[in-house]
Amino acid sequence: MAKRYIEQCRQRIDAELDRSIRQDSASARLQDTMRYSVLGGGKRIRPALCLAAAQAVGCDEEVALIPACALELIHAYSLVHDDLPAMDDDDLRRGRPTAHIAFDEASAILAGDALQTLAFGLLASAPQLTDSQRITMIAKLAQASGHAGMVGGQAIDLESVGVQLSLDQLENMHRHKTGALIEASVDLGAVTSASVTREQRDALATYARALGLAFQVQDDLLDIEGDTAIIGKRQGSDAAKAKPTYPALLGLEGARAHLATLLEQAQKALDGFGDEAKPLRAMADYVVTRNH
């Protein structure tokens, strides 16, 4: 179910992303780099989570389409910047040359900048949201993607190369670097409903926190066990850069056991929801079993 649901979401998201990026741009090359960075593959898990969370609280998924696109734009910008020589220095992303390889470093930096600002511009003008919803979403996304969230997590990641971290330290890093945007994805979907309760948002936040960590554990396992042709990036790249990972800390079996515990936590958080949360349940299973 999850693969079919994500594919349906991807088609809707990609069409809207293409339309948004094709709007007037001062530079054709910049626009080409943006489109290359966003539309060249990707699972679209974050926007799909946003749409699924909207469905879980009884909202029409169409209302969540623009917030979902904003989330993917932030994610895409982070990948472009993470791949830069000054950061992770990767030359392969989603099975293709990274943006700074396909174009040049300056174009990649500017494309990332433009994708980030476009995300907030879309949210600020989303036609089906109230002013209150827009402000809430902009504040949440800014926090999740900035120094208190994703960017802060990336900073910790760079500072931790070659350093032995404890499990608490590793999870703190990933709650910021990976988890913050996943948590925002679920919360933005929930906020699309004017009648969402505090209890529902809290339960979805618990689900998203566990899922965000599970996503990273599976990423770490794929870096060891995955195939470069399938995962779309260099297999073994984390180990080659002496990055702290779950398998390095817990061993392969320990990482798999931790992954199972996180999945159980995510699923249990949805006990108060009915069939409307089926896509969220399916996506949790998908995250821990995906091969790319």
C-alpha atoms as a PDB file:
ATOM      1  CA  MET A   1       0.000   0.000   0.000  1.00  0.00           C
ATOM      2  CA  ALA A   2       2.760   2.457   0.948  1.00  0.00           C
ATOM      3  CA  LYS A   3       4.570   2.318  -2.393  1.00  0.00           C
ATOM      4  CA  ARG A   4       1.337   2.907  -4.280  1.00  0.00           C
ATOM      5  CA  TYR A   5       0.338   5.747  -1.960  1.00  0.00           C
ATOM      6  CA  ILE A   6       3.753   7.404  -2.184  1.00  0.00           C
ATOM      7  CA  GLU A   7       3.740   7.104  -5.983  1.00  0.00           C
ATOM      8  CA  GLN A   8       0.318   8.760  -6.163  1.00  0.00           C
ATOM      9  CA  CYS A   9       1.586  11.542  -3.896  1.00  0.00           C
ATOM     10  CA  ARG A  10       4.772  11.892  -5.942  1.00  0.00           C
ATOM     11  CA  GLN A  11       2.867  12.509  -9.155  1.00  0.00           C
ATOM     12  CA  ARG A  12       0.759  15.256  -7.570  1.00  0.00           C
ATOM     13  CA  ILE A  13       3.716  16.815  -5.760  1.00  0.00           C
ATOM     14  CA  ASP A  14       6.006  16.767  -8.794  1.00  0.00           C
ATOM     15  CA  ALA A  15       3.402  18.454 -10.987  1.00  0.00           C
ATOM     16  CA  GLU A  16       2.958  21.255  -8.444  1.00  0.00           C
ATOM     17  CA  LEU A  17       6.715  21.580  -7.858  1.00  0.00           C
ATOM     18  CA  ASP A  18       7.344  21.846 -11.592  1.00  0.00           C
ATOM     19  CA  ARG A  19       4.684  24.542 -11.902  1.00  0.00           C
ATOM     20  CA  SER A  20       6.115  26.490  -8.948  1.00  0.00           C
ATOM     21  CA  ILE A  21       9.730  26.402 -10.147  1.00  0.00           C
ATOM     22  CA  ARG A  22       8.739  27.350 -13.705  1.00  0.00           C
ATOM     23  CA  GLN A  23       7.512  30.729 -12.477  1.00  0.00           C
ATOM     24  CA  ASP A  24       9.525  33.761 -13.555  1.00  0.00           C
ATOM     25  CA  SER A  25      13.223  33.531 -12.738  1.00  0.00           C
ATOM     26  CA  ALA A  26      16.019  36.032 -13.257  1.00  0.00           C
ATOM     27  CA  SER A  27      18.354  33.281 -14.512  1.00  0.00           C
ATOM     28  CA  ALA A  28      17.578  30.368 -16.813  1.00  0.00           C
ATOM     29  CA  ARG A  29      20.636  28.474 -15.538  1.00  0.00           C
ATOM     30  CA  LEU A  30      19.541  28.912 -11.940  1.00  0.00           C
ATOM     31  CA  GLN A  31      16.072  27.662 -12.808  1.00  0.00           C
ATOM     32  CA  ASP A  32      17.563  24.643 -14.602  1.00  0.00           C
ATOM     33  CA  THR A  33      19.693  23.822 -11.551  1.00  0.00           C
ATOM     34  CA  MET A  34      16.643  24.092  -9.290  1.00  0.00           C
ATOM     35  CA  ARG A  35      14.580  21.795 -11.504  1.00  0.00           C
ATOM     36  CA  TYR A  36      17.454  19.310 -11.759  1.00  0.00           C
ATOM     37  CA  SER A  37      17.829  19.262  -7.981  1.00  0.00           C
ATOM     38  CA  VAL A  38      14.141  18.832  -7.183  1.00  0.00           C
ATOM     39  CA  LEU A  39      12.646  16.831 -10.040  1.00  0.00           C
ATOM     40  CA  GLY A  40      15.425  14.307 -10.652  1.00  0.00           C
ATOM     41  CA  GLY A  41      13.993  11.481  -8.575  1.00  0.00           C
ATOM     42  CA  GLY A  42      13.465  11.120  -4.856  1.00  0.00           C
ATOM     43  CA  LYS A  43      10.970   9.141  -2.789  1.00  0.00           C
ATOM     44  CA  ARG A  44       8.874  12.144  -1.657  1.00  0.00           C
ATOM     45  CA  ILE A  45       8.454  10.629   1.799  1.00  0.00           C
ATOM     46  CA  ARG A  46       8.192  13.980   3.584  1.00  0.00           C
ATOM     47  CA  PRO A  47       5.415  15.440   1.419  1.00  0.00           C
ATOM     48  CA  ALA A  48       3.631  12.081   1.453  1.00  0.00           C
ATOM     49  CA  LEU A  49       3.735  12.139   5.264  1.00  0.00           C
ATOM     50  CA  CYS A  50       2.221  15.609   5.178  1.00  0.00           C
ATOM     51  CA  LEU A  51      -0.660  14.464   2.980  1.00  0.00           C
ATOM     52  CA  ALA A  52      -1.161  11.306   5.044  1.00  0.00           C
ATOM     53  CA  ALA A  53      -1.258  13.280   8.311  1.00  0.00           C
ATOM     54  CA  ALA A  54      -3.886  15.593   6.833  1.00  0.00           C
ATOM     55  CA  GLN A  55      -5.979  12.550   5.965  1.00  0.00           C
ATOM     56  CA  ALA A  56      -5.469  11.132   9.478  1.00  0.00           C
ATOM     57  CA  VAL A  57      -7.118  14.212  11.044  1.00  0.00           C
ATOM     58  CA  GLY A  58      -9.970  14.244   8.544  1.00  0.00           C
ATOM     59  CA  CYS A  59      -8.773  17.005   6.227  1.00  0.00           C
ATOM     60  CA  ASP A  60      -8.915  17.011   2.434  1.00  0.00           C
ATOM     61  CA  GLU A  61      -5.407  16.163   1.214  1.00  0.00           C
ATOM     62  CA  GLU A  62      -5.671  18.885  -1.433  1.00  0.00           C
ATOM     63  CA  VAL A  63      -5.397  21.514   1.313  1.00  0.00           C
ATOM     64  CA  ALA A  64      -2.054  20.005   2.322  1.00  0.00           C
ATOM     65  CA  LEU A  65      -0.577  20.042  -1.190  1.00  0.00           C
ATOM     66  CA  ILE A  66       1.241  23.386  -0.917  1.00  0.00           C
ATOM     67  CA  PRO A  67       2.682  22.646   2.558  1.00  0.00           C
ATOM     68  CA  ALA A  68       3.808  19.273   1.205  1.00  0.00           C
ATOM     69  CA  CYS A  69       5.622  20.985  -1.668  1.00  0.00           C
ATOM     70  CA  ALA A  70       7.262  23.447   0.727  1.00  0.00           C
ATOM     71  CA  LEU A  71       8.634  20.530   2.744  1.00  0.00           C
ATOM     72  CA  GLU A  72      10.116  18.875  -0.337  1.00  0.00           C
ATOM     73  CA  LEU A  73      11.737  22.147  -1.416  1.00  0.00           C
ATOM     74  CA  ILE A  74      13.436  22.458   1.977  1.00  0.00           C
ATOM     75  CA  HIS A  75      14.555  18.835   1.791  1.00  0.00           C
ATOM     76  CA  ALA A  76      15.914  19.317  -1.744  1.00  0.00           C
ATOM     77  CA  TYR A  77      17.823  22.457  -0.761  1.00  0.00           C
ATOM     78  CA  SER A  78      19.389  20.599   2.172  1.00  0.00           C
ATOM     79  CA  LEU A  79      20.573  17.787  -0.108  1.00  0.00           C
ATOM     80  CA  VAL A  80      22.123  20.221  -2.594  1.00  0.00           C
ATOM     81  CA  HIS A  81      24.054  21.957   0.178  1.00  0.00           C
ATOM     82  CA  ASP A  82      24.962  18.719   2.013  1.00  0.00           C
ATOM     83  CA  ASP A  83      26.570  17.383  -1.173  1.00  0.00           C
ATOM     84  CA  LEU A  84      28.854  20.410  -1.629  1.00  0.00           C
ATOM     85  CA  PRO A  85      32.651  19.989  -1.356  1.00  0.00           C
ATOM     86  CA  ALA A  86      32.715  22.022   1.861  1.00  0.00           C
ATOM     87  CA  MET A  87      30.120  19.702   3.418  1.00  0.00           C
ATOM     88  CA  ASP A  88      29.849  15.968   2.597  1.00  0.00           C
ATOM     89  CA  ASP A  89      31.593  16.318  -0.783  1.00  0.00           C
ATOM     90  CA  ASP A  90      29.401  13.783  -2.600  1.00  0.00           C
ATOM     91  CA  ASP A  91      29.328  13.350  -6.358  1.00  0.00           C
ATOM     92  CA  LEU A  92      26.253  11.104  -6.637  1.00  0.00           C
ATOM     93  CA  ARG A  93      22.684  11.744  -5.508  1.00  0.00           C
ATOM     94  CA  ARG A  94      19.558   9.835  -6.526  1.00  0.00           C
ATOM     95  CA  GLY A  95      21.630   7.917  -9.059  1.00  0.00           C
ATOM     96  CA  ARG A  96      22.795  11.065 -10.863  1.00  0.00           C
ATOM     97  CA  PRO A  97      25.682  13.522 -10.537  1.00  0.00           C
ATOM     98  CA  THR A  98      25.061  15.936  -7.694  1.00  0.00           C
ATOM     99  CA  ALA A  99      24.051  19.492  -8.594  1.00  0.00           C
ATOM    100  CA  HIS A 100      27.510  21.000  -8.181  1.00  0.00           C
ATOM    101  CA  ILE A 101      28.922  18.301 -10.485  1.00  0.00           C
ATOM    102  CA  ALA A 102      26.166  18.547 -13.106  1.00  0.00           C
ATOM    103  CA  PHE A 103      26.338  22.356 -13.123  1.00  0.00           C
ATOM    104  CA  ASP A 104      28.929  24.078 -10.914  1.00  0.00           C
ATOM    105  CA  GLU A 105      29.418  24.869  -7.259  1.00  0.00           C
ATOM    106  CA  ALA A 106      28.120  28.435  -7.430  1.00  0.00           C
ATOM    107  CA  SER A 107      24.959  27.366  -9.277  1.00  0.00           C
ATOM    108  CA  ALA A 108      24.339  24.645  -6.692  1.00  0.00           C
ATOM    109  CA  ILE A 109      24.705  27.069  -3.776  1.00  0.00           C
ATOM    110  CA  LEU A 110      22.354  29.572  -5.388  1.00  0.00           C
ATOM    111  CA  ALA A 111      19.836  26.868  -6.324  1.00  0.00           C
ATOM    112  CA  GLY A 112      19.749  25.714  -2.704  1.00  0.00           C
ATOM    113  CA  ASP A 113      19.212  29.287  -1.546  1.00  0.00           C
ATOM    114  CA  ALA A 114      16.400  29.765  -4.059  1.00  0.00           C
ATOM    115  CA  LEU A 115      14.661  26.500  -3.172  1.00  0.00           C
ATOM    116  CA  GLN A 116      14.652  27.441   0.502  1.00  0.00           C
ATOM    117  CA  THR A 117      13.104  30.862  -0.065  1.00  0.00           C
ATOM    118  CA  LEU A 118      10.590  29.439  -2.547  1.00  0.00           C
ATOM    119  CA  ALA A 119       9.360  27.059   0.155  1.00  0.00           C
ATOM    120  CA  PHE A 120       8.444  29.897   2.494  1.00  0.00           C
ATOM    121  CA  GLY A 121       7.000  31.943  -0.364  1.00  0.00           C
ATOM    122  CA  LEU A 122       4.632  29.101  -1.258  1.00  0.00           C
ATOM    123  CA  LEU A 123       3.465  28.755   2.345  1.00  0.00           C
ATOM    124  CA  ALA A 124       2.941  32.499   2.742  1.00  0.00           C
ATOM    125  CA  SER A 125       0.586  32.596  -0.235  1.00  0.00           C
ATOM    126  CA  ALA A 126      -1.104  29.174   0.023  1.00  0.00           C
ATOM    127  CA  PRO A 127      -4.665  29.947  -1.086  1.00  0.00           C
ATOM    128  CA  GLN A 128      -6.543  27.275   0.899  1.00  0.00           C
ATOM    129  CA  LEU A 129      -5.001  28.109   4.266  1.00  0.00           C
ATOM    130  CA  THR A 130      -6.063  30.728   6.797  1.00  0.00           C
ATOM    131  CA  ASP A 131      -3.625  33.414   7.925  1.00  0.00           C
ATOM    132  CA  SER A 132      -3.292  31.627  11.264  1.00  0.00           C
ATOM    133  CA  GLN A 133      -2.452  28.331   9.582  1.00  0.00           C
ATOM    134  CA  ARG A 134       0.144  29.980   7.334  1.00  0.00           C
ATOM    135  CA  ILE A 135       1.882  31.643  10.276  1.00  0.00           C
ATOM    136  CA  THR A 136       1.865  28.417  12.296  1.00  0.00           C
ATOM    137  CA  MET A 137       3.328  26.446   9.387  1.00  0.00           C
ATOM    138  CA  ILE A 138       5.975  29.037   8.509  1.00  0.00           C
ATOM    139  CA  ALA A 139       7.114  29.173  12.146  1.00  0.00           C
ATOM    140  CA  LYS A 140       7.203  25.377  12.424  1.00  0.00           C
ATOM    141  CA  LEU A 141       9.124  24.914   9.180  1.00  0.00           C
ATOM    142  CA  ALA A 142      11.595  27.685  10.041  1.00  0.00           C
ATOM    143  CA  GLN A 143      12.341  26.078  13.394  1.00  0.00           C
ATOM    144  CA  ALA A 144      12.612  22.565  11.945  1.00  0.00           C
ATOM    145  CA  SER A 145      14.932  23.590   9.117  1.00  0.00           C
ATOM    146  CA  GLY A 146      17.133  26.127  10.900  1.00  0.00           C
ATOM    147  CA  HIS A 147      19.862  26.123  13.539  1.00  0.00           C
ATOM    148  CA  ALA A 148      17.512  24.558  16.104  1.00  0.00           C
ATOM    149  CA  GLY A 149      16.653  21.768  13.672  1.00  0.00           C
ATOM    150  CA  MET A 150      18.051  20.386  10.431  1.00  0.00           C
ATOM    151  CA  VAL A 151      20.922  22.839   9.946  1.00  0.00           C
ATOM    152  CA  GLY A 152      21.934  22.422  13.578  1.00  0.00           C
ATOM    153  CA  GLY A 153      21.948  18.660  13.105  1.00  0.00           C
ATOM    154  CA  GLN A 154      24.159  18.963  10.038  1.00  0.00           C
ATOM    155  CA  ALA A 155      26.563  21.108  12.043  1.00  0.00           C
ATOM    156  CA  ILE A 156      26.742  18.424  14.740  1.00  0.00           C
ATOM    157  CA  ASP A 157      27.294  15.813  12.018  1.00  0.00           C
ATOM    158  CA  LEU A 158      30.273  17.707  10.590  1.00  0.00           C
ATOM    159  CA  GLU A 159      31.689  18.253  14.076  1.00  0.00           C
ATOM    160  CA  SER A 160      31.374  14.525  14.865  1.00  0.00           C
ATOM    161  CA  VAL A 161      33.414  13.034  12.018  1.00  0.00           C
ATOM    162  CA  GLY A 162      35.874  10.594  13.554  1.00  0.00           C
ATOM    163  CA  VAL A 163      34.321  11.067  17.017  1.00  0.00           C
ATOM    164  CA  GLN A 164      32.802   8.219  19.048  1.00  0.00           C
ATOM    165  CA  LEU A 165      29.308   9.312  20.095  1.00  0.00           C
ATOM    166  CA  SER A 166      27.057   7.750  22.712  1.00  0.00           C
ATOM    167  CA  LEU A 167      23.594   6.559  21.646  1.00  0.00           C
ATOM    168  CA  ASP A 168      22.033   9.645  23.241  1.00  0.00           C
ATOM    169  CA  GLN A 169      24.428  11.930  21.367  1.00  0.00           C
ATOM    170  CA  LEU A 170      23.831  10.107  18.072  1.00  0.00           C
ATOM    171  CA  GLU A 171      20.068  10.321  18.456  1.00  0.00           C
ATOM    172  CA  ASN A 172      20.263  13.998  19.422  1.00  0.00           C
ATOM    173  CA  MET A 173      22.123  14.654  16.174  1.00  0.00           C
ATOM    174  CA  HIS A 174      19.609  12.752  14.067  1.00  0.00           C
ATOM    175  CA  ARG A 175      16.575  14.226  15.838  1.00  0.00           C
ATOM    176  CA  HIS A 176      17.846  17.502  14.446  1.00  0.00           C
ATOM    177  CA  LYS A 177      19.412  16.557  11.118  1.00  0.00           C
ATOM    178  CA  THR A 178      16.752  14.102   9.878  1.00  0.00           C
ATOM    179  CA  GLY A 179      13.986  13.951  12.424  1.00  0.00           C
ATOM    180  CA  ALA A 180      13.097  17.647  12.683  1.00  0.00           C
ATOM    181  CA  LEU A 181      11.894  17.908   9.089  1.00  0.00           C
ATOM    182  CA  ILE A 182      10.019  14.597   9.303  1.00  0.00           C
ATOM    183  CA  GLU A 183       8.298  15.835  12.471  1.00  0.00           C
ATOM    184  CA  ALA A 184       7.440  19.089  10.682  1.00  0.00           C
ATOM    185  CA  SER A 185       6.050  17.123   7.733  1.00  0.00           C
ATOM    186  CA  VAL A 186       3.544  15.342   9.956  1.00  0.00           C
ATOM    187  CA  ASP A 187       2.655  18.435  11.972  1.00  0.00           C
ATOM    188  CA  LEU A 188       2.088  20.633   8.912  1.00  0.00           C
ATOM    189  CA  GLY A 189      -0.313  17.999   7.617  1.00  0.00           C
ATOM    190  CA  ALA A 190      -2.153  17.952  10.942  1.00  0.00           C
ATOM    191  CA  VAL A 191      -2.405  21.748  11.087  1.00  0.00           C
ATOM    192  CA  THR A 192      -4.286  21.808   7.771  1.00  0.00           C
ATOM    193  CA  SER A 193      -7.339  20.760   9.808  1.00  0.00           C
ATOM    194  CA  ALA A 194      -8.916  23.640  11.703  1.00  0.00           C
ATOM    195  CA  SER A 195     -10.431  21.114  14.133  1.00  0.00           C
ATOM    196  CA  VAL A 196      -7.289  19.114  14.947  1.00  0.00           C
ATOM    197  CA  THR A 197      -6.973  18.540  18.694  1.00  0.00           C
ATOM    198  CA  ARG A 198      -3.915  18.942  20.904  1.00  0.00           C
ATOM    199  CA  GLU A 199      -4.095  15.234  21.681  1.00  0.00           C
ATOM    200  CA  GLN A 200      -4.002  14.357  17.984  1.00  0.00           C
ATOM    201  CA  ARG A 201      -1.012  16.604  17.338  1.00  0.00           C
ATOM    202  CA  ASP A 202       0.831  15.149  20.322  1.00  0.00           C
ATOM    203  CA  ALA A 203       0.183  11.579  19.177  1.00  0.00           C
ATOM    204  CA  LEU A 204       1.328  12.408  15.650  1.00  0.00           C
ATOM    205  CA  ALA A 205       4.442  14.103  17.056  1.00  0.00           C
ATOM    206  CA  THR A 206       5.310  10.902  18.950  1.00  0.00           C
ATOM    207  CA  TYR A 207       4.806   8.917  15.740  1.00  0.00           C
ATOM    208  CA  ALA A 208       7.000  11.312  13.768  1.00  0.00           C
ATOM    209  CA  ARG A 209       9.825  11.369  16.338  1.00  0.00           C
ATOM    210  CA  ALA A 210      10.111   7.590  16.273  1.00  0.00           C
ATOM    211  CA  LEU A 211       9.789   7.506  12.488  1.00  0.00           C
ATOM    212  CA  GLY A 212      12.486  10.135  11.999  1.00  0.00           C
ATOM    213  CA  LEU A 213      14.997   8.089  13.968  1.00  0.00           C
ATOM    214  CA  ALA A 214      13.898   4.871  12.244  1.00  0.00           C
ATOM    215  CA  PHE A 215      14.473   6.528   8.875  1.00  0.00           C
ATOM    216  CA  GLN A 216      18.066   7.301   9.835  1.00  0.00           C
ATOM    217  CA  VAL A 217      18.765   3.838  11.237  1.00  0.00           C
ATOM    218  CA  GLN A 218      17.622   2.307   7.965  1.00  0.00           C
ATOM    219  CA  ASP A 219      19.741   4.810   6.018  1.00  0.00           C
ATOM    220  CA  ASP A 220      22.771   3.754   8.057  1.00  0.00           C
ATOM    221  CA  LEU A 221      22.047   0.077   7.398  1.00  0.00           C
ATOM    222  CA  LEU A 222      21.654   0.741   3.669  1.00  0.00           C
ATOM    223  CA  ASP A 223      25.027   2.499   3.612  1.00  0.00           C
ATOM    224  CA  ILE A 224      26.534  -0.839   4.635  1.00  0.00           C
ATOM    225  CA  GLU A 225      24.241  -3.369   2.992  1.00  0.00           C
ATOM    226  CA  GLY A 226      22.766  -1.432   0.058  1.00  0.00           C
ATOM    227  CA  ASP A 227      23.730  -1.408  -3.607  1.00  0.00           C
ATOM    228  CA  THR A 228      24.994   1.890  -5.047  1.00  0.00           C
ATOM    229  CA  ALA A 229      22.860   1.364  -8.168  1.00  0.00           C
ATOM    230  CA  ILE A 230      19.733   1.033  -5.997  1.00  0.00           C
ATOM    231  CA  ILE A 231      20.325   3.461  -3.140  1.00  0.00           C
ATOM    232  CA  GLY A 232      21.416   6.183  -5.574  1.00  0.00           C
ATOM    233  CA  LYS A 233      24.534   7.242  -3.650  1.00  0.00           C
ATOM    234  CA  ARG A 234      27.922   5.730  -2.932  1.00  0.00           C
ATOM    235  CA  GLN A 235      27.580   2.606  -0.796  1.00  0.00           C
ATOM    236  CA  GLY A 236      29.926   2.781   2.183  1.00  0.00           C
ATOM    237  CA  SER A 237      30.324   6.551   2.002  1.00  0.00           C
ATOM    238  CA  ASP A 238      29.554   7.069   5.712  1.00  0.00           C
ATOM    239  CA  ALA A 239      32.181   4.565   6.805  1.00  0.00           C
ATOM    240  CA  ALA A 240      34.711   6.038   4.370  1.00  0.00           C
ATOM    241  CA  LYS A 241      34.217   9.459   5.990  1.00  0.00           C
ATOM    242  CA  ALA A 242      34.355   8.024   9.551  1.00  0.00           C
ATOM    243  CA  LYS A 243      30.852   9.306  10.272  1.00  0.00           C
ATOM    244  CA  PRO A 244      29.090   8.161  13.455  1.00  0.00           C
ATOM    245  CA  THR A 245      26.318   5.680  12.583  1.00  0.00           C
ATOM    246  CA  TYR A 246      23.979   3.288  14.363  1.00  0.00           C
ATOM    247  CA  PRO A 247      25.706   0.127  13.055  1.00  0.00           C
ATOM    248  CA  ALA A 248      29.104   1.510  14.078  1.00  0.00           C
ATOM    249  CA  LEU A 249      27.792   2.105  17.598  1.00  0.00           C
ATOM    250  CA  LEU A 250      25.395  -0.815  18.060  1.00  0.00           C
ATOM    251  CA  GLY A 251      26.569  -3.353  15.483  1.00  0.00           C
ATOM    252  CA  LEU A 252      24.356  -4.575  12.637  1.00  0.00           C
ATOM    253  CA  GLU A 253      22.106  -6.732  14.807  1.00  0.00           C
ATOM    254  CA  GLY A 254      21.861  -4.068  17.470  1.00  0.00           C
ATOM    255  CA  ALA A 255      20.887  -1.476  14.850  1.00  0.00           C
ATOM    256  CA  ARG A 256      18.219  -3.790  13.445  1.00  0.00           C
ATOM    257  CA  ALA A 257      16.808  -4.389  16.929  1.00  0.00           C
ATOM    258  CA  HIS A 258      16.728  -0.641  17.590  1.00  0.00           C
ATOM    259  CA  LEU A 259      14.947  -0.148  14.272  1.00  0.00           C
ATOM    260  CA  ALA A 260      12.259  -2.657  15.284  1.00  0.00           C
ATOM    261  CA  THR A 261      11.746  -0.854  18.614  1.00  0.00           C
ATOM    262  CA  LEU A 262      11.332   2.500  16.870  1.00  0.00           C
ATOM    263  CA  LEU A 263       8.809   1.037  14.436  1.00  0.00           C
ATOM    264  CA  GLU A 264       6.799  -0.347  17.335  1.00  0.00           C
ATOM    265  CA  GLN A 265       6.807   3.070  19.012  1.00  0.00           C
ATOM    266  CA  ALA A 266       5.628   4.781  15.830  1.00  0.00           C
ATOM    267  CA  GLN A 267       2.791   2.332  15.252  1.00  0.00           C
ATOM    268  CA  LYS A 268       1.645   2.451  18.875  1.00  0.00           C
ATOM    269  CA  ALA A 269       1.372   6.240  18.718  1.00  0.00           C
ATOM    270  CA  LEU A 270      -1.377   5.821  16.101  1.00  0.00           C
ATOM    271  CA  ASP A 271      -3.573   3.580  18.297  1.00  0.00           C
ATOM    272  CA  GLY A 272      -6.043   6.415  18.849  1.00  0.00           C
ATOM    273  CA  PHE A 273      -6.683   6.814  15.114  1.00  0.00           C
ATOM    274  CA  GLY A 274      -8.877   4.666  12.895  1.00  0.00           C
ATOM    275  CA  ASP A 275      -8.690   3.665   9.250  1.00  0.00           C
ATOM    276  CA  GLU A 276      -7.980   7.268   8.285  1.00  0.00           C
ATOM    277  CA  ALA A 277      -4.399   6.710   9.509  1.00  0.00           C
ATOM    278  CA  LYS A 278      -3.767   3.668   7.305  1.00  0.00           C
ATOM    279  CA  PRO A 279      -1.345   5.572   5.028  1.00  0.00           C
ATOM    280  CA  LEU A 280       0.708   6.678   8.052  1.00  0.00           C
ATOM    281  CA  ARG A 281       0.867   3.099   9.348  1.00  0.00           C
ATOM    282  CA  ALA A 282       1.876   1.793   5.930  1.00  0.00           C
ATOM    283  CA  MET A 283       4.536   4.456   5.529  1.00  0.00           C
ATOM    284  CA  ALA A 284       6.120   3.520   8.864  1.00  0.00           C
ATOM    285  CA  ASP A 285       6.459  -0.069   7.638  1.00  0.00           C
ATOM    286  CA  TYR A 286       7.856   1.193   4.341  1.00  0.00           C
ATOM    287  CA  VAL A 287      10.504   3.383   5.984  1.00  0.00           C
ATOM    288  CA  VAL A 288      12.057   0.437   7.833  1.00  0.00           C
ATOM    289  CA  THR A 289      11.985  -1.987   4.885  1.00  0.00           C
ATOM    290  CA  ARG A 290      12.919   0.269   1.935  1.00  0.00           C
ATOM    291  CA  ASN A 291      16.002  -0.581  -0.120  1.00  0.00           C
ATOM    292  CA  HIS A 292      16.862   2.976  -1.183  1.00  0.00           C
END
